[in-house]
PDB file of all heavy atoms in Angstrom:
ATOM      1  N   SER A   1       9.029 -32.749 -44.601  1.00  0.00           N
ATOM      2  CA  SER A   1       8.137 -33.747 -44.064  1.00  0.00           C
ATOM      3  C   SER A   1       8.791 -35.142 -44.221  1.00  0.00           C
ATOM      4  O   SER A   1       9.051 -35.574 -45.323  1.00  0.00           O
ATOM      5  CB  SER A   1       6.784 -33.748 -44.778  1.00  0.00           C
ATOM      6  OG  SER A   1       5.946 -34.752 -44.274  1.00  0.00           O
ATOM      7  N   TYR A   2       9.074 -35.778 -43.090  1.00  0.00           N
ATOM      8  CA  TYR A   2       9.714 -37.105 -43.068  1.00  0.00           C
ATOM      9  C   TYR A   2       8.681 -38.131 -42.721  1.00  0.00           C
ATOM     10  O   TYR A   2       8.035 -38.069 -41.644  1.00  0.00           O
ATOM     11  CB  TYR A   2      10.822 -37.163 -42.021  1.00  0.00           C
ATOM     12  CG  TYR A   2      11.974 -36.193 -42.234  1.00  0.00           C
ATOM     13  CD1 TYR A   2      11.981 -34.948 -41.562  1.00  0.00           C
ATOM     14  CD2 TYR A   2      13.065 -36.463 -43.039  1.00  0.00           C
ATOM     15  CE1 TYR A   2      13.034 -34.044 -41.704  1.00  0.00           C
ATOM     16  CE2 TYR A   2      14.127 -35.583 -43.204  1.00  0.00           C
ATOM     17  CZ  TYR A   2      14.074 -34.365 -42.523  1.00  0.00           C
ATOM     18  OH  TYR A   2      15.111 -33.498 -42.693  1.00  0.00           O
ATOM     19  N   HIS A   3       8.487 -39.153 -43.549  1.00  0.00           N
ATOM     20  CA  HIS A   3       7.539 -40.226 -43.265  1.00  0.00           C
ATOM     21  C   HIS A   3       8.339 -41.355 -42.591  1.00  0.00           C
ATOM     22  O   HIS A   3       9.196 -41.995 -43.226  1.00  0.00           O
ATOM     23  CB  HIS A   3       6.891 -40.701 -44.531  1.00  0.00           C
ATOM     24  CG  HIS A   3       5.888 -39.688 -45.052  1.00  0.00           C
ATOM     25  ND1 HIS A   3       4.551 -40.038 -45.306  1.00  0.00           N
ATOM     26  CD2 HIS A   3       5.975 -38.387 -45.353  1.00  0.00           C
ATOM     27  CE1 HIS A   3       3.889 -38.959 -45.723  1.00  0.00           C
ATOM     28  NE2 HIS A   3       4.749 -37.946 -45.783  1.00  0.00           N
ATOM     29  N   VAL A   4       8.044 -41.599 -41.330  1.00  0.00           N
ATOM     30  CA  VAL A   4       8.795 -42.634 -40.550  1.00  0.00           C
ATOM     31  C   VAL A   4       8.222 -43.999 -40.872  1.00  0.00           C
ATOM     32  O   VAL A   4       7.107 -44.140 -41.467  1.00  0.00           O
ATOM     33  CB  VAL A   4       8.657 -42.312 -39.048  1.00  0.00           C
ATOM     34  CG1 VAL A   4       9.300 -40.998 -38.703  1.00  0.00           C
ATOM     35  CG2 VAL A   4       7.191 -42.356 -38.593  1.00  0.00           C
ATOM     36  N   ASP A   5       8.972 -45.030 -40.522  1.00  0.00           N
ATOM     37  CA  ASP A   5       8.559 -46.402 -40.929  1.00  0.00           C
ATOM     38  C   ASP A   5       8.036 -47.203 -39.764  1.00  0.00           C
ATOM     39  O   ASP A   5       7.565 -48.379 -39.926  1.00  0.00           O
ATOM     40  CB  ASP A   5       9.737 -47.128 -41.531  1.00  0.00           C
ATOM     41  CG  ASP A   5      10.817 -47.548 -40.539  1.00  0.00           C
ATOM     42  OD1 ASP A   5      10.975 -46.863 -39.498  1.00  0.00           O
ATOM     43  OD2 ASP A   5      11.516 -48.544 -40.817  1.00  0.00           O
ATOM     44  N   TYR A   6       8.040 -46.700 -38.520  1.00  0.00           N
ATOM     45  CA  TYR A   6       7.597 -47.552 -37.380  1.00  0.00           C
ATOM     46  C   TYR A   6       6.075 -47.720 -37.308  1.00  0.00           C
ATOM     47  O   TYR A   6       5.573 -48.440 -36.460  1.00  0.00           O
ATOM     48  CB  TYR A   6       8.162 -47.054 -36.043  1.00  0.00           C
ATOM     49  CG  TYR A   6       7.966 -45.613 -35.730  1.00  0.00           C
ATOM     50  CD1 TYR A   6       6.749 -45.122 -35.251  1.00  0.00           C
ATOM     51  CD2 TYR A   6       9.032 -44.683 -35.865  1.00  0.00           C
ATOM     52  CE1 TYR A   6       6.585 -43.795 -34.929  1.00  0.00           C
ATOM     53  CE2 TYR A   6       8.858 -43.352 -35.532  1.00  0.00           C
ATOM     54  CZ  TYR A   6       7.627 -42.891 -35.099  1.00  0.00           C
ATOM     55  OH  TYR A   6       7.455 -41.549 -34.766  1.00  0.00           O
ATOM     56  N   TRP A   7       5.346 -47.067 -38.201  1.00  0.00           N
ATOM     57  CA  TRP A   7       3.904 -47.319 -38.332  1.00  0.00           C
ATOM     58  C   TRP A   7       3.588 -48.380 -39.344  1.00  0.00           C
ATOM     59  O   TRP A   7       2.451 -48.782 -39.529  1.00  0.00           O
ATOM     60  CB  TRP A   7       3.192 -46.012 -38.690  1.00  0.00           C
ATOM     61  CG  TRP A   7       2.878 -45.111 -37.528  1.00  0.00           C
ATOM     62  CD1 TRP A   7       3.548 -44.064 -37.046  1.00  0.00           C
ATOM     63  CD2 TRP A   7       1.676 -45.171 -36.695  1.00  0.00           C
ATOM     64  NE1 TRP A   7       2.957 -43.468 -35.983  1.00  0.00           N
ATOM     65  CE2 TRP A   7       1.797 -44.130 -35.769  1.00  0.00           C
ATOM     66  CE3 TRP A   7       0.524 -46.003 -36.700  1.00  0.00           C
ATOM     67  CZ2 TRP A   7       0.799 -43.902 -34.780  1.00  0.00           C
ATOM     68  CZ3 TRP A   7      -0.454 -45.763 -35.734  1.00  0.00           C
ATOM     69  CH2 TRP A   7      -0.321 -44.733 -34.798  1.00  0.00           C
ATOM     70  N   ASP A   8       4.597 -48.806 -40.089  1.00  0.00           N
ATOM     71  CA  ASP A   8       4.325 -49.662 -41.247  1.00  0.00           C
ATOM     72  C   ASP A   8       3.796 -51.048 -40.918  1.00  0.00           C
ATOM     73  O   ASP A   8       3.284 -51.739 -41.803  1.00  0.00           O
ATOM     74  CB  ASP A   8       5.616 -49.811 -42.131  1.00  0.00           C
ATOM     75  CG  ASP A   8       5.927 -48.524 -42.894  1.00  0.00           C
ATOM     76  OD1 ASP A   8       5.091 -47.611 -42.860  1.00  0.00           O
ATOM     77  OD2 ASP A   8       6.955 -48.506 -43.586  1.00  0.00           O
ATOM     78  N   ASN A   9       3.963 -51.466 -39.661  1.00  0.00           N
ATOM     79  CA  ASN A   9       3.460 -52.790 -39.257  1.00  0.00           C
ATOM     80  C   ASN A   9       2.096 -52.695 -38.546  1.00  0.00           C
ATOM     81  O   ASN A   9       1.683 -53.641 -37.895  1.00  0.00           O
ATOM     82  CB  ASN A   9       4.483 -53.514 -38.329  1.00  0.00           C
ATOM     83  CG  ASN A   9       4.780 -52.712 -37.074  1.00  0.00           C
ATOM     84  OD1 ASN A   9       4.286 -51.596 -36.912  1.00  0.00           O
ATOM     85  ND2 ASN A   9       5.546 -53.268 -36.184  1.00  0.00           N
ATOM     86  N   GLN A  10       1.430 -51.558 -38.717  1.00  0.00           N
ATOM     87  CA  GLN A  10       0.084 -51.330 -38.067  1.00  0.00           C
ATOM     88  C   GLN A  10      -1.034 -51.443 -39.061  1.00  0.00           C
ATOM     89  O   GLN A  10      -2.080 -50.832 -38.865  1.00  0.00           O
ATOM     90  CB  GLN A  10       0.088 -49.984 -37.375  1.00  0.00           C
ATOM     91  CG  GLN A  10       1.157 -49.766 -36.340  1.00  0.00           C
ATOM     92  CD  GLN A  10       1.077 -50.769 -35.198  1.00  0.00           C
ATOM     93  OE1 GLN A  10      -0.018 -51.025 -34.698  1.00  0.00           O
ATOM     94  NE2 GLN A  10       2.226 -51.285 -34.763  1.00  0.00           N
ATOM     95  N   GLY A  11      -0.860 -52.162 -40.180  1.00  0.00           N
ATOM     96  CA  GLY A  11      -1.924 -52.376 -41.110  1.00  0.00           C
ATOM     97  C   GLY A  11      -1.769 -51.654 -42.443  1.00  0.00           C
ATOM     98  O   GLY A  11      -2.469 -51.967 -43.420  1.00  0.00           O
ATOM     99  N   TRP A  12      -0.857 -50.695 -42.520  1.00  0.00           N
ATOM    100  CA  TRP A  12      -0.659 -49.971 -43.760  1.00  0.00           C
ATOM    101  C   TRP A  12       0.816 -49.541 -43.886  1.00  0.00           C
ATOM    102  O   TRP A  12       1.360 -48.939 -42.969  1.00  0.00           O
ATOM    103  CB  TRP A  12      -1.515 -48.713 -43.799  1.00  0.00           C
ATOM    104  CG  TRP A  12      -1.329 -47.887 -45.067  1.00  0.00           C
ATOM    105  CD1 TRP A  12      -0.692 -46.677 -45.125  1.00  0.00           C
ATOM    106  CD2 TRP A  12      -1.714 -48.223 -46.373  1.00  0.00           C
ATOM    107  NE1 TRP A  12      -0.646 -46.193 -46.413  1.00  0.00           N
ATOM    108  CE2 TRP A  12      -1.315 -47.128 -47.211  1.00  0.00           C
ATOM    109  CE3 TRP A  12      -2.410 -49.260 -46.963  1.00  0.00           C
ATOM    110  CZ2 TRP A  12      -1.582 -47.119 -48.613  1.00  0.00           C
ATOM    111  CZ3 TRP A  12      -2.645 -49.266 -48.305  1.00  0.00           C
ATOM    112  CH2 TRP A  12      -2.209 -48.178 -49.099  1.00  0.00           C
ATOM    113  N   ARG A  13       1.444 -49.869 -45.010  1.00  0.00           N
ATOM    114  CA  ARG A  13       2.785 -49.468 -45.254  1.00  0.00           C
ATOM    115  C   ARG A  13       2.789 -48.139 -46.020  1.00  0.00           C
ATOM    116  O   ARG A  13       2.299 -48.073 -47.132  1.00  0.00           O
ATOM    117  CB  ARG A  13       3.567 -50.487 -46.049  1.00  0.00           C
ATOM    118  CG  ARG A  13       5.031 -50.145 -46.238  1.00  0.00           C
ATOM    119  CD  ARG A  13       5.755 -51.100 -47.104  1.00  0.00           C
ATOM    120  NE  ARG A  13       7.172 -50.699 -47.294  1.00  0.00           N
ATOM    121  CZ  ARG A  13       7.582 -49.732 -48.104  1.00  0.00           C
ATOM    122  NH1 ARG A  13       6.737 -49.128 -48.857  1.00  0.00           N
ATOM    123  NH2 ARG A  13       8.866 -49.439 -48.181  1.00  0.00           N
ATOM    124  N   ASP A  14       3.364 -47.107 -45.425  1.00  0.00           N
ATOM    125  CA  ASP A  14       3.497 -45.775 -45.996  1.00  0.00           C
ATOM    126  C   ASP A  14       4.475 -45.832 -47.180  1.00  0.00           C
ATOM    127  O   ASP A  14       5.610 -46.227 -47.019  1.00  0.00           O
ATOM    128  CB  ASP A  14       3.988 -44.838 -44.932  1.00  0.00           C
ATOM    129  CG  ASP A  14       3.935 -43.348 -45.371  1.00  0.00           C
ATOM    130  OD1 ASP A  14       4.037 -43.070 -46.561  1.00  0.00           O
ATOM    131  OD2 ASP A  14       3.849 -42.476 -44.531  1.00  0.00           O
ATOM    132  N   VAL A  15       4.016 -45.456 -48.360  1.00  0.00           N
ATOM    133  CA  VAL A  15       4.873 -45.568 -49.560  1.00  0.00           C
ATOM    134  C   VAL A  15       6.073 -44.613 -49.513  1.00  0.00           C
ATOM    135  O   VAL A  15       7.052 -44.755 -50.216  1.00  0.00           O
ATOM    136  CB  VAL A  15       4.035 -45.280 -50.840  1.00  0.00           C
ATOM    137  CG1 VAL A  15       3.027 -46.358 -51.087  1.00  0.00           C
ATOM    138  CG2 VAL A  15       3.399 -43.905 -50.836  1.00  0.00           C
ATOM    139  N   PHE A  16       5.991 -43.574 -48.629  1.00  0.00           N
ATOM    140  CA  PHE A  16       7.040 -42.609 -48.515  1.00  0.00           C
ATOM    141  C   PHE A  16       7.957 -42.849 -47.310  1.00  0.00           C
ATOM    142  O   PHE A  16       8.840 -42.062 -47.052  1.00  0.00           O
ATOM    143  CB  PHE A  16       6.461 -41.190 -48.441  1.00  0.00           C
ATOM    144  CG  PHE A  16       5.647 -40.778 -49.619  1.00  0.00           C
ATOM    145  CD1 PHE A  16       4.254 -40.547 -49.481  1.00  0.00           C
ATOM    146  CD2 PHE A  16       6.174 -40.656 -50.882  1.00  0.00           C
ATOM    147  CE1 PHE A  16       3.483 -40.200 -50.591  1.00  0.00           C
ATOM    148  CE2 PHE A  16       5.423 -40.302 -51.978  1.00  0.00           C
ATOM    149  CZ  PHE A  16       4.071 -40.094 -51.845  1.00  0.00           C
ATOM    150  N   SER A  17       7.658 -43.934 -46.562  1.00  0.00           N
ATOM    151  CA  SER A  17       8.425 -44.154 -45.314  1.00  0.00           C
ATOM    152  C   SER A  17       9.820 -44.556 -45.585  1.00  0.00           C
ATOM    153  O   SER A  17      10.158 -45.162 -46.627  1.00  0.00           O
ATOM    154  CB  SER A  17       7.700 -45.228 -44.474  1.00  0.00           C
ATOM    155  OG  SER A  17       7.747 -46.501 -45.094  1.00  0.00           O
ATOM    156  N   ASN A  18      10.683 -44.247 -44.612  1.00  0.00           N
ATOM    157  CA  ASN A  18      12.127 -44.564 -44.755  1.00  0.00           C
ATOM    158  C   ASN A  18      12.688 -44.775 -43.349  1.00  0.00           C
ATOM    159  O   ASN A  18      12.532 -43.877 -42.484  1.00  0.00           O
ATOM    160  CB  ASN A  18      12.832 -43.419 -45.484  1.00  0.00           C
ATOM    161  CG  ASN A  18      14.277 -43.731 -45.824  1.00  0.00           C
ATOM    162  OD1 ASN A  18      14.987 -44.363 -45.075  1.00  0.00           O
ATOM    163  ND2 ASN A  18      14.703 -43.321 -46.997  1.00  0.00           N
ATOM    164  N   PRO A  19      13.372 -45.888 -43.047  1.00  0.00           N
ATOM    165  CA  PRO A  19      13.927 -46.086 -41.732  1.00  0.00           C
ATOM    166  C   PRO A  19      14.932 -45.018 -41.294  1.00  0.00           C
ATOM    167  O   PRO A  19      15.141 -44.772 -40.147  1.00  0.00           O
ATOM    168  CB  PRO A  19      14.587 -47.489 -41.811  1.00  0.00           C
ATOM    169  CG  PRO A  19      14.768 -47.711 -43.296  1.00  0.00           C
ATOM    170  CD  PRO A  19      13.654 -47.010 -43.940  1.00  0.00           C
ATOM    171  N   ASP A  20      15.578 -44.395 -42.309  1.00  0.00           N
ATOM    172  CA  ASP A  20      16.540 -43.332 -41.995  1.00  0.00           C
ATOM    173  C   ASP A  20      15.863 -42.134 -41.314  1.00  0.00           C
ATOM    174  O   ASP A  20      16.455 -41.479 -40.476  1.00  0.00           O
ATOM    175  CB  ASP A  20      17.251 -42.842 -43.264  1.00  0.00           C
ATOM    176  CG  ASP A  20      18.189 -43.890 -43.843  1.00  0.00           C
ATOM    177  OD1 ASP A  20      18.562 -44.807 -43.109  1.00  0.00           O
ATOM    178  OD2 ASP A  20      18.531 -43.758 -45.024  1.00  0.00           O
ATOM    179  N   TYR A  21      14.598 -41.932 -41.649  1.00  0.00           N
ATOM    180  CA  TYR A  21      13.886 -40.773 -41.057  1.00  0.00           C
ATOM    181  C   TYR A  21      13.458 -41.109 -39.612  1.00  0.00           C
ATOM    182  O   TYR A  21      13.441 -40.224 -38.762  1.00  0.00           O
ATOM    183  CB  TYR A  21      12.693 -40.432 -41.911  1.00  0.00           C
ATOM    184  CG  TYR A  21      12.985 -40.150 -43.356  1.00  0.00           C
ATOM    185  CD1 TYR A  21      12.091 -40.278 -44.374  1.00  0.00           C
ATOM    186  CD2 TYR A  21      14.299 -39.712 -43.720  1.00  0.00           C
ATOM    187  CE1 TYR A  21      12.385 -40.052 -45.680  1.00  0.00           C
ATOM    188  CE2 TYR A  21      14.619 -39.477 -45.027  1.00  0.00           C
ATOM    189  CZ  TYR A  21      13.656 -39.641 -46.011  1.00  0.00           C
ATOM    190  OH  TYR A  21      13.992 -39.406 -47.348  1.00  0.00           O
ATOM    191  N   SER A  22      13.152 -42.394 -39.378  1.00  0.00           N
ATOM    192  CA  SER A  22      12.867 -42.794 -37.994  1.00  0.00           C
ATOM    193  C   SER A  22      14.126 -42.677 -37.163  1.00  0.00           C
ATOM    194  O   SER A  22      14.070 -42.182 -36.011  1.00  0.00           O
ATOM    195  CB  SER A  22      12.393 -44.251 -37.978  1.00  0.00           C
ATOM    196  OG  SER A  22      11.221 -44.463 -38.732  1.00  0.00           O
ATOM    197  N   LYS A  23      15.248 -43.030 -37.709  1.00  0.00           N
ATOM    198  CA  LYS A  23      16.523 -42.873 -37.023  1.00  0.00           C
ATOM    199  C   LYS A  23      16.795 -41.412 -36.690  1.00  0.00           C
ATOM    200  O   LYS A  23      17.249 -41.065 -35.614  1.00  0.00           O
ATOM    201  CB  LYS A  23      17.659 -43.473 -37.895  1.00  0.00           C
ATOM    202  CG  LYS A  23      19.045 -43.390 -37.232  1.00  0.00           C
ATOM    203  CD  LYS A  23      20.092 -44.002 -38.147  1.00  0.00           C
ATOM    204  CE  LYS A  23      21.482 -43.878 -37.521  1.00  0.00           C
ATOM    205  NZ  LYS A  23      22.506 -44.479 -38.412  1.00  0.00           N
ATOM    206  N   ARG A  24      16.504 -40.509 -37.678  1.00  0.00           N
ATOM    207  CA  ARG A  24      16.752 -39.085 -37.446  1.00  0.00           C
ATOM    208  C   ARG A  24      15.890 -38.590 -36.308  1.00  0.00           C
ATOM    209  O   ARG A  24      16.355 -37.803 -35.447  1.00  0.00           O
ATOM    210  CB  ARG A  24      16.469 -38.303 -38.730  1.00  0.00           C
ATOM    211  CG  ARG A  24      16.736 -36.818 -38.624  1.00  0.00           C
ATOM    212  CD  ARG A  24      16.660 -36.158 -40.004  1.00  0.00           C
ATOM    213  NE  ARG A  24      16.862 -34.710 -39.939  1.00  0.00           N
ATOM    214  CZ  ARG A  24      18.024 -34.079 -39.885  1.00  0.00           C
ATOM    215  NH1 ARG A  24      19.141 -34.785 -39.748  1.00  0.00           N
ATOM    216  NH2 ARG A  24      18.100 -32.789 -39.834  1.00  0.00           N
ATOM    217  N   GLN A  25      14.621 -39.037 -36.246  1.00  0.00           N
ATOM    218  CA  GLN A  25      13.768 -38.597 -35.179  1.00  0.00           C
ATOM    219  C   GLN A  25      14.218 -39.109 -33.823  1.00  0.00           C
ATOM    220  O   GLN A  25      14.190 -38.349 -32.844  1.00  0.00           O
ATOM    221  CB  GLN A  25      12.324 -39.123 -35.446  1.00  0.00           C
ATOM    222  CG  GLN A  25      11.306 -38.554 -34.452  1.00  0.00           C
ATOM    223  CD  GLN A  25       9.912 -39.106 -34.662  1.00  0.00           C
ATOM    224  OE1 GLN A  25       9.714 -40.143 -35.313  1.00  0.00           O
ATOM    225  NE2 GLN A  25       8.915 -38.418 -34.176  1.00  0.00           N
ATOM    226  N   TYR A  26      14.703 -40.318 -33.759  1.00  0.00           N
ATOM    227  CA  TYR A  26      15.214 -40.866 -32.483  1.00  0.00           C
ATOM    228  C   TYR A  26      16.514 -40.102 -32.075  1.00  0.00           C
ATOM    229  O   TYR A  26      16.739 -39.889 -30.866  1.00  0.00           O
ATOM    230  CB  TYR A  26      15.493 -42.352 -32.603  1.00  0.00           C
ATOM    231  CG  TYR A  26      14.303 -43.198 -32.317  1.00  0.00           C
ATOM    232  CD1 TYR A  26      13.394 -43.584 -33.312  1.00  0.00           C
ATOM    233  CD2 TYR A  26      14.032 -43.596 -31.003  1.00  0.00           C
ATOM    234  CE1 TYR A  26      12.281 -44.362 -33.025  1.00  0.00           C
ATOM    235  CE2 TYR A  26      12.900 -44.386 -30.707  1.00  0.00           C
ATOM    236  CZ  TYR A  26      12.046 -44.745 -31.747  1.00  0.00           C
ATOM    237  OH  TYR A  26      10.927 -45.519 -31.439  1.00  0.00           O
ATOM    238  N   GLN A  27      17.314 -39.717 -33.027  1.00  0.00           N
ATOM    239  CA  GLN A  27      18.493 -38.943 -32.684  1.00  0.00           C
ATOM    240  C   GLN A  27      18.125 -37.573 -32.110  1.00  0.00           C
ATOM    241  O   GLN A  27      18.711 -37.121 -31.146  1.00  0.00           O
ATOM    242  CB  GLN A  27      19.339 -38.737 -33.952  1.00  0.00           C
ATOM    243  CG  GLN A  27      20.067 -40.000 -34.376  1.00  0.00           C
ATOM    244  CD  GLN A  27      20.736 -39.853 -35.737  1.00  0.00           C
ATOM    245  OE1 GLN A  27      20.409 -38.961 -36.538  1.00  0.00           O
ATOM    246  NE2 GLN A  27      21.729 -40.740 -36.002  1.00  0.00           N
ATOM    247  N   TYR A  28      17.098 -36.958 -32.674  1.00  0.00           N
ATOM    248  CA  TYR A  28      16.609 -35.687 -32.113  1.00  0.00           C
ATOM    249  C   TYR A  28      16.074 -35.891 -30.716  1.00  0.00           C
ATOM    250  O   TYR A  28      16.312 -35.070 -29.807  1.00  0.00           O
ATOM    251  CB  TYR A  28      15.491 -35.138 -32.992  1.00  0.00           C
ATOM    252  CG  TYR A  28      15.918 -34.213 -34.121  1.00  0.00           C
ATOM    253  CD1 TYR A  28      15.384 -34.304 -35.368  1.00  0.00           C
ATOM    254  CD2 TYR A  28      16.897 -33.240 -33.878  1.00  0.00           C
ATOM    255  CE1 TYR A  28      15.794 -33.455 -36.403  1.00  0.00           C
ATOM    256  CE2 TYR A  28      17.335 -32.407 -34.922  1.00  0.00           C
ATOM    257  CZ  TYR A  28      16.773 -32.530 -36.179  1.00  0.00           C
ATOM    258  OH  TYR A  28      17.150 -31.670 -37.184  1.00  0.00           O
ATOM    259  N   ALA A  29      15.310 -36.937 -30.513  1.00  0.00           N
ATOM    260  CA  ALA A  29      14.762 -37.276 -29.193  1.00  0.00           C
ATOM    261  C   ALA A  29      15.832 -37.350 -28.121  1.00  0.00           C
ATOM    262  O   ALA A  29      15.713 -36.872 -27.005  1.00  0.00           O
ATOM    263  CB  ALA A  29      13.882 -38.510 -29.243  1.00  0.00           C
ATOM    264  N   SER A  30      16.917 -38.005 -28.525  1.00  0.00           N
ATOM    265  CA  SER A  30      18.071 -38.110 -27.597  1.00  0.00           C
ATOM    266  C   SER A  30      18.702 -36.781 -27.261  1.00  0.00           C
ATOM    267  O   SER A  30      18.990 -36.490 -26.123  1.00  0.00           O
ATOM    268  CB  SER A  30      19.121 -39.074 -28.190  1.00  0.00           C
ATOM    269  OG  SER A  30      20.252 -39.176 -27.353  1.00  0.00           O
ATOM    270  N   LYS A  31      18.905 -35.964 -28.311  1.00  0.00           N
ATOM    271  CA  LYS A  31      19.529 -34.662 -28.136  1.00  0.00           C
ATOM    272  C   LYS A  31      18.621 -33.712 -27.325  1.00  0.00           C
ATOM    273  O   LYS A  31      19.076 -32.975 -26.460  1.00  0.00           O
ATOM    274  CB  LYS A  31      19.844 -34.006 -29.483  1.00  0.00           C
ATOM    275  CG  LYS A  31      20.830 -34.771 -30.297  1.00  0.00           C
ATOM    276  CD  LYS A  31      22.241 -34.660 -29.801  1.00  0.00           C
ATOM    277  CE  LYS A  31      23.230 -35.332 -30.740  1.00  0.00           C
ATOM    278  NZ  LYS A  31      24.620 -35.320 -30.233  1.00  0.00           N
ATOM    279  N   LEU A  32      17.304 -33.779 -27.613  1.00  0.00           N
ATOM    280  CA  LEU A  32      16.375 -32.834 -26.991  1.00  0.00           C
ATOM    281  C   LEU A  32      15.749 -33.349 -25.706  1.00  0.00           C
ATOM    282  O   LEU A  32      14.939 -32.685 -25.069  1.00  0.00           O
ATOM    283  CB  LEU A  32      15.270 -32.480 -28.024  1.00  0.00           C
ATOM    284  CG  LEU A  32      15.732 -31.883 -29.332  1.00  0.00           C
ATOM    285  CD1 LEU A  32      14.566 -31.638 -30.266  1.00  0.00           C
ATOM    286  CD2 LEU A  32      16.451 -30.535 -29.088  1.00  0.00           C
TER     287      LEU A  32
END
């Protein structure tokens, strides 16, 4: 389970979020 960080500016910062995981998801989106 990867907690992404692009929700962090919507009123709540996820304590487990990491920009690296958002990057990984975007990389998957490009490949798939």
